C-alpha atoms as a PDB file:
ATOM      1  CA  UNK A   1       0.000   0.000   0.000  1.00  0.00           C
ATOM      2  CA  UNK A   2       2.858   2.384   0.830  1.00  0.00           C
ATOM      3  CA  UNK A   3       4.331   1.902  -2.629  1.00  0.00           C
ATOM      4  CA  UNK A   4       1.001   2.850  -4.236  1.00  0.00           C
ATOM      5  CA  UNK A   5       0.861   5.997  -2.145  1.00  0.00           C
ATOM      6  CA  UNK A   6       4.417   6.829  -3.183  1.00  0.00           C
ATOM      7  CA  UNK A   7       3.474   6.531  -6.842  1.00  0.00           C
ATOM      8  CA  UNK A   8       0.529   8.893  -6.396  1.00  0.00           C
ATOM      9  CA  UNK A   9       2.176  11.564  -4.236  1.00  0.00           C
ATOM     10  CA  UNK A  10       4.248  14.352  -5.828  1.00  0.00           C
ATOM     11  CA  UNK A  11       7.987  13.855  -6.192  1.00  0.00           C
ATOM     12  CA  UNK A  12       9.961  15.016  -3.160  1.00  0.00           C
ATOM     13  CA  UNK A  13      11.868  17.406  -5.425  1.00  0.00           C
ATOM     14  CA  UNK A  14       8.590  19.038  -6.551  1.00  0.00           C
ATOM     15  CA  UNK A  15       7.511  19.466  -2.923  1.00  0.00           C
ATOM     16  CA  UNK A  16      10.840  21.052  -2.014  1.00  0.00           C
ATOM     17  CA  UNK A  17      10.594  23.503  -4.931  1.00  0.00           C
ATOM     18  CA  UNK A  18       7.069  24.524  -3.888  1.00  0.00           C
ATOM     19  CA  UNK A  19       8.173  25.075  -0.304  1.00  0.00           C
ATOM     20  CA  UNK A  20      11.259  27.084  -1.276  1.00  0.00           C
ATOM     21  CA  UNK A  21       9.074  29.374  -3.368  1.00  0.00           C
ATOM     22  CA  UNK A  22       6.840  29.989  -0.358  1.00  0.00           C
ATOM     23  CA  UNK A  23       9.853  30.448   1.913  1.00  0.00           C
ATOM     24  CA  UNK A  24      11.100  33.235  -0.375  1.00  0.00           C
ATOM     25  CA  UNK A  25       7.813  35.101   0.122  1.00  0.00           C
ATOM     26  CA  UNK A  26       7.797  34.570   3.875  1.00  0.00           C
ATOM     27  CA  UNK A  27      11.370  35.410   4.862  1.00  0.00           C
ATOM     28  CA  UNK A  28      13.052  37.403   2.072  1.00  0.00           C
ATOM     29  CA  UNK A  29      12.341  41.147   1.902  1.00  0.00           C
ATOM     30  CA  UNK A  30      10.281  42.683  -0.876  1.00  0.00           C
ATOM     31  CA  UNK A  31      10.279  43.076  -3.777  1.00  0.00           C
ATOM     32  CA  UNK A  32       9.891  39.332  -4.237  1.00  0.00           C
ATOM     33  CA  UNK A  33      11.297  37.750  -7.395  1.00  0.00           C
ATOM     34  CA  UNK A  34       8.224  35.514  -7.519  1.00  0.00           C
ATOM     35  CA  UNK A  35       5.158  35.472  -5.282  1.00  0.00           C
ATOM     36  CA  UNK A  36       3.933  31.914  -4.905  1.00  0.00           C
ATOM     37  CA  UNK A  37       2.327  30.419  -1.817  1.00  0.00           C
ATOM     38  CA  UNK A  38      -0.204  28.329  -3.748  1.00  0.00           C
ATOM     39  CA  UNK A  39       2.316  25.485  -3.956  1.00  0.00           C
ATOM     40  CA  UNK A  40       2.535  25.556  -0.158  1.00  0.00           C
ATOM     41  CA  UNK A  41      -1.264  25.251   0.047  1.00  0.00           C
ATOM     42  CA  UNK A  42      -1.101  22.257  -2.302  1.00  0.00           C
ATOM     43  CA  UNK A  43       1.513  20.514  -0.185  1.00  0.00           C
ATOM     44  CA  UNK A  44      -0.289  21.356   3.088  1.00  0.00           C
ATOM     45  CA  UNK A  45       2.638  20.156   5.181  1.00  0.00           C
ATOM     46  CA  UNK A  46       2.461  20.868   8.910  1.00  0.00           C
ATOM     47  CA  UNK A  47       5.600  22.331  10.483  1.00  0.00           C
ATOM     48  CA  UNK A  48       7.309  22.628   7.091  1.00  0.00           C
ATOM     49  CA  UNK A  49       9.442  25.568   8.205  1.00  0.00           C
ATOM     50  CA  UNK A  50      11.326  23.222  10.551  1.00  0.00           C
ATOM     51  CA  UNK A  51      12.484  20.936   7.751  1.00  0.00           C
ATOM     52  CA  UNK A  52      16.323  20.916   7.522  1.00  0.00           C
ATOM     53  CA  UNK A  53      16.157  21.869   3.818  1.00  0.00           C
ATOM     54  CA  UNK A  54      14.073  24.954   4.747  1.00  0.00           C
ATOM     55  CA  UNK A  55      16.759  26.397   7.005  1.00  0.00           C
ATOM     56  CA  UNK A  56      16.895  30.071   5.905  1.00  0.00           C
ATOM     57  CA  UNK A  57      20.690  30.222   5.503  1.00  0.00           C
ATOM     58  CA  UNK A  58      21.211  26.703   4.163  1.00  0.00           C
ATOM     59  CA  UNK A  59      18.497  27.118   1.515  1.00  0.00           C
ATOM     60  CA  UNK A  60      19.362  30.687   0.487  1.00  0.00           C
ATOM     61  CA  UNK A  61      21.152  29.898  -2.775  1.00  0.00           C
ATOM     62  CA  UNK A  62      18.757  27.124  -3.735  1.00  0.00           C
ATOM     63  CA  UNK A  63      15.570  29.101  -3.192  1.00  0.00           C
ATOM     64  CA  UNK A  64      17.167  31.993  -5.105  1.00  0.00           C
ATOM     65  CA  UNK A  65      17.829  29.637  -8.015  1.00  0.00           C
ATOM     66  CA  UNK A  66      14.271  28.288  -7.910  1.00  0.00           C
ATOM     67  CA  UNK A  67      12.531  31.674  -7.889  1.00  0.00           C
ATOM     68  CA  UNK A  68      14.979  33.172 -10.385  1.00  0.00           C
ATOM     69  CA  UNK A  69      14.454  30.492 -12.997  1.00  0.00           C
ATOM     70  CA  UNK A  70      10.664  30.511 -12.481  1.00  0.00           C
ATOM     71  CA  UNK A  71      10.548  34.290 -12.938  1.00  0.00           C
ATOM     72  CA  UNK A  72      12.693  34.044 -16.069  1.00  0.00           C
ATOM     73  CA  UNK A  73      10.293  31.507 -17.579  1.00  0.00           C
ATOM     74  CA  UNK A  74       7.236  33.603 -16.734  1.00  0.00           C
ATOM     75  CA  UNK A  75       8.814  36.723 -18.229  1.00  0.00           C
ATOM     76  CA  UNK A  76       9.625  34.723 -21.367  1.00  0.00           C
ATOM     77  CA  UNK A  77       6.058  33.391 -21.626  1.00  0.00           C
ATOM     78  CA  UNK A  78       4.619  36.871 -21.119  1.00  0.00           C
ATOM     79  CA  UNK A  79       6.894  38.299 -23.809  1.00  0.00           C
ATOM     80  CA  UNK A  80       6.041  35.545 -26.305  1.00  0.00           C
ATOM     81  CA  UNK A  81       2.311  35.887 -25.554  1.00  0.00           C
ATOM     82  CA  UNK A  82       2.545  39.573 -26.473  1.00  0.00           C
ATOM     83  CA  UNK A  83       4.024  38.473 -29.794  1.00  0.00           C
ATOM     84  CA  UNK A  84       1.048  36.233 -30.483  1.00  0.00           C
ATOM     85  CA  UNK A  85       2.128  32.806 -29.196  1.00  0.00           C
ATOM     86  CA  UNK A  86      -0.899  30.975 -27.782  1.00  0.00           C
ATOM     87  CA  UNK A  87       0.495  27.669 -26.479  1.00  0.00           C
ATOM     88  CA  UNK A  88       2.729  26.912 -23.494  1.00  0.00           C
ATOM     89  CA  UNK A  89       4.005  23.446 -22.596  1.00  0.00           C
ATOM     90  CA  UNK A  90       5.513  22.777 -19.148  1.00  0.00           C
ATOM     91  CA  UNK A  91       7.506  19.539 -19.156  1.00  0.00           C
ATOM     92  CA  UNK A  92       7.757  17.870 -15.757  1.00  0.00           C
ATOM     93  CA  UNK A  93       5.303  20.426 -14.384  1.00  0.00           C
ATOM     94  CA  UNK A  94       5.321  19.103 -10.820  1.00  0.00           C
ATOM     95  CA  UNK A  95       3.614  21.615  -8.519  1.00  0.00           C
ATOM     96  CA  UNK A  96       3.941  24.534 -10.921  1.00  0.00           C
ATOM     97  CA  UNK A  97       1.252  27.157 -10.243  1.00  0.00           C
ATOM     98  CA  UNK A  98       1.617  29.572 -13.175  1.00  0.00           C
ATOM     99  CA  UNK A  99      -1.943  28.839 -14.360  1.00  0.00           C
ATOM    100  CA  UNK A 100      -3.400  29.604 -10.926  1.00  0.00           C
ATOM    101  CA  UNK A 101      -1.246  32.631 -10.076  1.00  0.00           C
ATOM    102  CA  UNK A 102      -1.182  34.390 -13.423  1.00  0.00           C
ATOM    103  CA  UNK A 103      -4.631  33.852 -15.006  1.00  0.00           C
ATOM    104  CA  UNK A 104      -4.435  37.270 -16.669  1.00  0.00           C
ATOM    105  CA  UNK A 105      -1.744  35.771 -18.942  1.00  0.00           C
ATOM    106  CA  UNK A 106      -2.547  32.060 -18.821  1.00  0.00           C
ATOM    107  CA  UNK A 107      -6.222  32.489 -19.751  1.00  0.00           C
ATOM    108  CA  UNK A 108      -5.129  33.901 -23.128  1.00  0.00           C
ATOM    109  CA  UNK A 109      -3.119  30.756 -23.795  1.00  0.00           C
ATOM    110  CA  UNK A 110      -3.473  27.011 -23.931  1.00  0.00           C
ATOM    111  CA  UNK A 111      -1.329  25.757 -21.051  1.00  0.00           C
ATOM    112  CA  UNK A 112      -0.261  22.101 -21.184  1.00  0.00           C
ATOM    113  CA  UNK A 113       1.214  20.508 -18.053  1.00  0.00           C
ATOM    114  CA  UNK A 114       3.098  17.270 -18.777  1.00  0.00           C
ATOM    115  CA  UNK A 115       3.853  14.982 -15.826  1.00  0.00           C
ATOM    116  CA  UNK A 116       3.619  11.457 -14.459  1.00  0.00           C
ATOM    117  CA  UNK A 117      -0.018  10.264 -14.052  1.00  0.00           C
ATOM    118  CA  UNK A 118       0.009   9.673 -10.270  1.00  0.00           C
ATOM    119  CA  UNK A 119       1.495  12.989  -9.125  1.00  0.00           C
ATOM    120  CA  UNK A 120      -0.592  14.868 -11.673  1.00  0.00           C
ATOM    121  CA  UNK A 121      -3.843  13.264 -10.480  1.00  0.00           C
ATOM    122  CA  UNK A 122      -2.834  14.140  -6.885  1.00  0.00           C
ATOM    123  CA  UNK A 123      -2.248  17.754  -7.922  1.00  0.00           C
ATOM    124  CA  UNK A 124      -5.600  18.038  -9.721  1.00  0.00           C
ATOM    125  CA  UNK A 125      -7.378  16.691  -6.641  1.00  0.00           C
ATOM    126  CA  UNK A 126      -5.579  19.158  -4.359  1.00  0.00           C
ATOM    127  CA  UNK A 127      -6.291  22.098  -6.695  1.00  0.00           C
ATOM    128  CA  UNK A 128      -9.994  21.294  -6.485  1.00  0.00           C
ATOM    129  CA  UNK A 129      -9.800  20.945  -2.693  1.00  0.00           C
ATOM    130  CA  UNK A 130      -8.259  24.392  -2.223  1.00  0.00           C
ATOM    131  CA  UNK A 131     -10.754  26.066  -4.531  1.00  0.00           C
ATOM    132  CA  UNK A 132      -9.180  26.176  -7.977  1.00  0.00           C
ATOM    133  CA  UNK A 133     -11.257  25.016 -10.900  1.00  0.00           C
ATOM    134  CA  UNK A 134     -10.134  23.438 -14.160  1.00  0.00           C
ATOM    135  CA  UNK A 135     -10.483  26.116 -16.866  1.00  0.00           C
ATOM    136  CA  UNK A 136     -10.800  24.928 -20.454  1.00  0.00           C
ATOM    137  CA  UNK A 137      -7.451  26.486 -21.365  1.00  0.00           C
ATOM    138  CA  UNK A 138      -5.532  24.345 -18.824  1.00  0.00           C
ATOM    139  CA  UNK A 139      -4.668  20.884 -20.142  1.00  0.00           C
ATOM    140  CA  UNK A 140      -3.235  18.138 -17.946  1.00  0.00           C
ATOM    141  CA  UNK A 141      -1.172  15.648 -19.959  1.00  0.00           C
ATOM    142  CA  UNK A 142      -0.396  12.494 -17.938  1.00  0.00           C
ATOM    143  CA  UNK A 143       2.523  10.546 -19.393  1.00  0.00           C
ATOM    144  CA  UNK A 144       3.922   7.279 -18.056  1.00  0.00           C
ATOM    145  CA  UNK A 145       7.579   7.972 -18.897  1.00  0.00           C
ATOM    146  CA  UNK A 146       8.740   4.812 -17.141  1.00  0.00           C
ATOM    147  CA  UNK A 147       6.272   2.811 -19.219  1.00  0.00           C
ATOM    148  CA  UNK A 148       7.745   4.196 -22.431  1.00  0.00           C
ATOM    149  CA  UNK A 149       4.852   6.455 -23.406  1.00  0.00           C
ATOM    150  CA  UNK A 150       5.620   9.261 -25.864  1.00  0.00           C
ATOM    151  CA  UNK A 151       4.952  12.625 -24.235  1.00  0.00           C
ATOM    152  CA  UNK A 152       4.795  14.192 -27.709  1.00  0.00           C
ATOM    153  CA  UNK A 153       2.012  11.868 -28.824  1.00  0.00           C
ATOM    154  CA  UNK A 154       0.113  12.426 -25.569  1.00  0.00           C
ATOM    155  CA  UNK A 155       0.556  16.184 -25.932  1.00  0.00           C
ATOM    156  CA  UNK A 156      -0.996  16.161 -29.406  1.00  0.00           C
ATOM    157  CA  UNK A 157      -3.831  13.936 -28.161  1.00  0.00           C
ATOM    158  CA  UNK A 158      -4.507  16.546 -25.445  1.00  0.00           C
ATOM    159  CA  UNK A 159      -5.117  19.218 -28.075  1.00  0.00           C
ATOM    160  CA  UNK A 160      -1.672  20.701 -28.778  1.00  0.00           C
ATOM    161  CA  UNK A 161      -1.675  22.245 -32.264  1.00  0.00           C
ATOM    162  CA  UNK A 162       1.568  21.387 -34.066  1.00  0.00           C
ATOM    163  CA  UNK A 163       0.824  24.045 -36.702  1.00  0.00           C
ATOM    164  CA  UNK A 164       0.932  26.909 -34.184  1.00  0.00           C
ATOM    165  CA  UNK A 165       4.015  28.279 -32.408  1.00  0.00           C
ATOM    166  CA  UNK A 166       4.553  27.478 -28.746  1.00  0.00           C
ATOM    167  CA  UNK A 167       6.803  28.070 -25.783  1.00  0.00           C
ATOM    168  CA  UNK A 168       8.045  24.772 -24.347  1.00  0.00           C
ATOM    169  CA  UNK A 169       9.872  24.885 -21.016  1.00  0.00           C
ATOM    170  CA  UNK A 170      11.836  22.325 -19.043  1.00  0.00           C
ATOM    171  CA  UNK A 171      13.408  23.294 -15.720  1.00  0.00           C
ATOM    172  CA  UNK A 172      15.321  21.052 -13.348  1.00  0.00           C
ATOM    173  CA  UNK A 173      15.108  18.043 -15.670  1.00  0.00           C
ATOM    174  CA  UNK A 174      18.102  17.882 -18.024  1.00  0.00           C
ATOM    175  CA  UNK A 175      20.650  16.773 -15.420  1.00  0.00           C
ATOM    176  CA  UNK A 176      18.624  13.612 -14.689  1.00  0.00           C
ATOM    177  CA  UNK A 177      18.606  12.604 -18.381  1.00  0.00           C
ATOM    178  CA  UNK A 178      21.412  11.062 -20.380  1.00  0.00           C
ATOM    179  CA  UNK A 179      23.070  13.266 -22.974  1.00  0.00           C
ATOM    180  CA  UNK A 180      21.423  11.103 -25.636  1.00  0.00           C
ATOM    181  CA  UNK A 181      17.986  11.732 -24.133  1.00  0.00           C
ATOM    182  CA  UNK A 182      18.701  15.472 -23.986  1.00  0.00           C
ATOM    183  CA  UNK A 183      19.765  15.374 -27.636  1.00  0.00           C
ATOM    184  CA  UNK A 184      16.539  13.572 -28.562  1.00  0.00           C
ATOM    185  CA  UNK A 185      14.479  16.228 -26.762  1.00  0.00           C
ATOM    186  CA  UNK A 186      16.335  19.023 -28.557  1.00  0.00           C
ATOM    187  CA  UNK A 187      15.765  17.356 -31.932  1.00  0.00           C
ATOM    188  CA  UNK A 188      12.058  17.008 -31.173  1.00  0.00           C
ATOM    189  CA  UNK A 189      11.789  20.655 -30.079  1.00  0.00           C
ATOM    190  CA  UNK A 190      13.656  21.920 -33.123  1.00  0.00           C
ATOM    191  CA  UNK A 191      10.763  20.579 -35.236  1.00  0.00           C
ATOM    192  CA  UNK A 192       8.337  23.057 -33.649  1.00  0.00           C
ATOM    193  CA  UNK A 193       6.943  25.514 -36.180  1.00  0.00           C
ATOM    194  CA  UNK A 194       8.846  28.777 -36.756  1.00  0.00           C
ATOM    195  CA  UNK A 195       8.190  31.307 -34.022  1.00  0.00           C
ATOM    196  CA  UNK A 196       8.441  28.693 -31.276  1.00  0.00           C
ATOM    197  CA  UNK A 197      10.812  28.818 -28.288  1.00  0.00           C
ATOM    198  CA  UNK A 198      12.322  26.058 -26.186  1.00  0.00           C
ATOM    199  CA  UNK A 199      13.834  26.999 -22.817  1.00  0.00           C
ATOM    200  CA  UNK A 200      15.615  24.501 -20.595  1.00  0.00           C
ATOM    201  CA  UNK A 201      17.838  24.715 -17.552  1.00  0.00           C
ATOM    202  CA  UNK A 202      21.083  22.788 -17.418  1.00  0.00           C
ATOM    203  CA  UNK A 203      23.819  22.313 -14.847  1.00  0.00           C
ATOM    204  CA  UNK A 204      27.314  23.538 -15.641  1.00  0.00           C
ATOM    205  CA  UNK A 205      30.239  21.131 -15.751  1.00  0.00           C
ATOM    206  CA  UNK A 206      31.965  20.985 -12.380  1.00  0.00           C
ATOM    207  CA  UNK A 207      35.259  22.281 -13.772  1.00  0.00           C
ATOM    208  CA  UNK A 208      33.521  25.588 -14.596  1.00  0.00           C
ATOM    209  CA  UNK A 209      32.636  26.261 -10.947  1.00  0.00           C
ATOM    210  CA  UNK A 210      34.696  27.856  -8.212  1.00  0.00           C
ATOM    211  CA  UNK A 211      36.048  25.616  -5.419  1.00  0.00           C
ATOM    212  CA  UNK A 212      33.279  26.364  -2.907  1.00  0.00           C
ATOM    213  CA  UNK A 213      30.403  25.946  -5.362  1.00  0.00           C
ATOM    214  CA  UNK A 214      32.003  22.866  -6.884  1.00  0.00           C
ATOM    215  CA  UNK A 215      32.198  21.290  -3.414  1.00  0.00           C
ATOM    216  CA  UNK A 216      28.510  22.116  -2.802  1.00  0.00           C
ATOM    217  CA  UNK A 217      27.525  20.621  -6.152  1.00  0.00           C
ATOM    218  CA  UNK A 218      29.480  17.444  -5.480  1.00  0.00           C
ATOM    219  CA  UNK A 219      27.553  17.102  -2.199  1.00  0.00           C
ATOM    220  CA  UNK A 220      24.211  17.666  -3.982  1.00  0.00           C
ATOM    221  CA  UNK A 221      25.149  15.100  -6.638  1.00  0.00           C
ATOM    222  CA  UNK A 222      26.131  12.581  -3.972  1.00  0.00           C
ATOM    223  CA  UNK A 223      22.754  13.006  -2.240  1.00  0.00           C
ATOM    224  CA  UNK A 224      20.917  12.731  -5.560  1.00  0.00           C
ATOM    225  CA  UNK A 225      22.761   9.509  -6.369  1.00  0.00           C
ATOM    226  CA  UNK A 226      21.931   8.072  -2.934  1.00  0.00           C
ATOM    227  CA  UNK A 227      18.261   8.961  -3.516  1.00  0.00           C
ATOM    228  CA  UNK A 228      18.290   6.994  -6.766  1.00  0.00           C
ATOM    229  CA  UNK A 229      18.125  10.080  -9.008  1.00  0.00           C
ATOM    230  CA  UNK A 230      21.748  10.586 -10.110  1.00  0.00           C
ATOM    231  CA  UNK A 231      22.871  13.531 -12.209  1.00  0.00           C
ATOM    232  CA  UNK A 232      23.638  12.094 -15.641  1.00  0.00           C
ATOM    233  CA  UNK A 233      24.350  15.217 -17.719  1.00  0.00           C
ATOM    234  CA  UNK A 234      26.368  18.351 -17.066  1.00  0.00           C
ATOM    235  CA  UNK A 235      27.279  20.723 -19.899  1.00  0.00           C
ATOM    236  CA  UNK A 236      29.580  23.563 -20.808  1.00  0.00           C
ATOM    237  CA  UNK A 237      27.897  26.518 -22.571  1.00  0.00           C
ATOM    238  CA  UNK A 238      29.648  25.836 -25.936  1.00  0.00           C
ATOM    239  CA  UNK A 239      28.588  22.176 -25.700  1.00  0.00           C
ATOM    240  CA  UNK A 240      24.888  22.942 -25.104  1.00  0.00           C
ATOM    241  CA  UNK A 241      24.845  25.568 -27.879  1.00  0.00           C
ATOM    242  CA  UNK A 242      26.467  23.079 -30.266  1.00  0.00           C
ATOM    243  CA  UNK A 243      23.815  20.470 -29.409  1.00  0.00           C
ATOM    244  CA  UNK A 244      21.061  23.003 -30.140  1.00  0.00           C
ATOM    245  CA  UNK A 245      22.636  23.877 -33.473  1.00  0.00           C
ATOM    246  CA  UNK A 246      23.038  20.212 -34.431  1.00  0.00           C
ATOM    247  CA  UNK A 247      19.412  19.566 -33.430  1.00  0.00           C
ATOM    248  CA  UNK A 248      18.278  22.076 -36.046  1.00  0.00           C
ATOM    249  CA  UNK A 249      17.324  25.224 -34.144  1.00  0.00           C
ATOM    250  CA  UNK A 250      17.492  28.459 -36.150  1.00  0.00           C
ATOM    251  CA  UNK A 251      19.326  30.197 -33.324  1.00  0.00           C
ATOM    252  CA  UNK A 252      19.964  29.743 -29.607  1.00  0.00           C
ATOM    253  CA  UNK A 253      21.410  31.596 -26.661  1.00  0.00           C
ATOM    254  CA  UNK A 254      23.083  30.810 -23.366  1.00  0.00           C
ATOM    255  CA  UNK A 255      21.600  32.675 -20.412  1.00  0.00           C
ATOM    256  CA  UNK A 256      24.072  32.434 -17.550  1.00  0.00           C
ATOM    257  CA  UNK A 257      23.427  32.571 -13.832  1.00  0.00           C
ATOM    258  CA  UNK A 258      25.203  35.943 -13.913  1.00  0.00           C
ATOM    259  CA  UNK A 259      22.681  37.180 -16.496  1.00  0.00           C
ATOM    260  CA  UNK A 260      19.851  36.158 -14.163  1.00  0.00           C
ATOM    261  CA  UNK A 261      21.640  37.785 -11.220  1.00  0.00           C
ATOM    262  CA  UNK A 262      21.913  41.093 -13.062  1.00  0.00           C
ATOM    263  CA  UNK A 263      18.280  40.874 -14.114  1.00  0.00           C
ATOM    264  CA  UNK A 264      16.653  39.937 -10.812  1.00  0.00           C
ATOM    265  CA  UNK A 265      19.064  40.100  -7.864  1.00  0.00           C
ATOM    266  CA  UNK A 266      21.720  42.773  -8.391  1.00  0.00           C
ATOM    267  CA  UNK A 267      19.721  45.610  -6.814  1.00  0.00           C
ATOM    268  CA  UNK A 268      18.720  43.602  -3.744  1.00  0.00           C
ATOM    269  CA  UNK A 269      20.304  44.409  -0.381  1.00  0.00           C
ATOM    270  CA  UNK A 270      19.832  40.974   1.210  1.00  0.00           C
ATOM    271  CA  UNK A 271      22.578  39.128  -0.651  1.00  0.00           C
ATOM    272  CA  UNK A 272      20.162  36.679  -2.274  1.00  0.00           C
ATOM    273  CA  UNK A 273      22.154  34.963  -5.019  1.00  0.00           C
ATOM    274  CA  UNK A 274      21.555  31.762  -6.972  1.00  0.00           C
ATOM    275  CA  UNK A 275      25.236  31.018  -7.592  1.00  0.00           C
ATOM    276  CA  UNK A 276      26.595  29.901 -10.958  1.00  0.00           C
ATOM    277  CA  UNK A 277      25.790  26.189 -11.263  1.00  0.00           C
ATOM    278  CA  UNK A 278      22.517  26.383 -13.217  1.00  0.00           C
ATOM    279  CA  UNK A 279      21.938  28.203 -16.495  1.00  0.00           C
ATOM    280  CA  UNK A 280      19.463  28.374 -19.380  1.00  0.00           C
ATOM    281  CA  UNK A 281      19.506  27.367 -22.991  1.00  0.00           C
ATOM    282  CA  UNK A 282      16.903  29.335 -24.932  1.00  0.00           C
ATOM    283  CA  UNK A 283      16.495  28.076 -28.495  1.00  0.00           C
ATOM    284  CA  UNK A 284      14.343  29.399 -31.325  1.00  0.00           C
ATOM    285  CA  UNK A 285      12.906  27.385 -34.204  1.00  0.00           C
END
């Protein structure tokens, strides 16, 4: 019975992300990079602030990374929506709450959330329980990745229009995939119609990090391996740009952690900083 429950509950990483986003709102001074406490309501965890991974100092860099990348994605979606894009696909959506927090943007789009069936069903149930409906523009796309289902086929079956441009986003996923699987995803995304955008986070190769951050990343990777979710792919910026070019994208750009720092954190007085380990590839078809 416990194993069934485990299959249905959200991934522990998704829960942690939701809680870090709420922690940012509750303990970091305004202006907040992202305002999201809906994920906390979904999780509904008693005494969550006493979790070791919610320690304000310990989690500072990680919650900065989480809110920074989420804000970057939402700014990108908002910009593309202004240019006429009407479809957004969130791969590995987890406890993402864009559709609930930003209906003024999302309601003008078709938002597709792709995730494992169990956690997604749990999320839909919790959304209903805390008072959020299921608008016609929000599409849940359950995909049994472990069972070999094609998320692309399931996406189309859920109403995704392959003839219209889209923004497809993938955050916190690439490091858990092999380089071959990342290449396959890039090739698939490069086939999107002109005017489409694919944005994904990736982790920098360890040799590109300073001693302190490299040591922290080695610890994180050790814990991930022990949890059965090892990091399989790290990239250098030239390597990820080359993969995007080989996949067939018209153009692509590397958005560094420093770029995100200048955009969202540089004028803050609290020292909130995401570090340098995670960056974005933004590719255009």
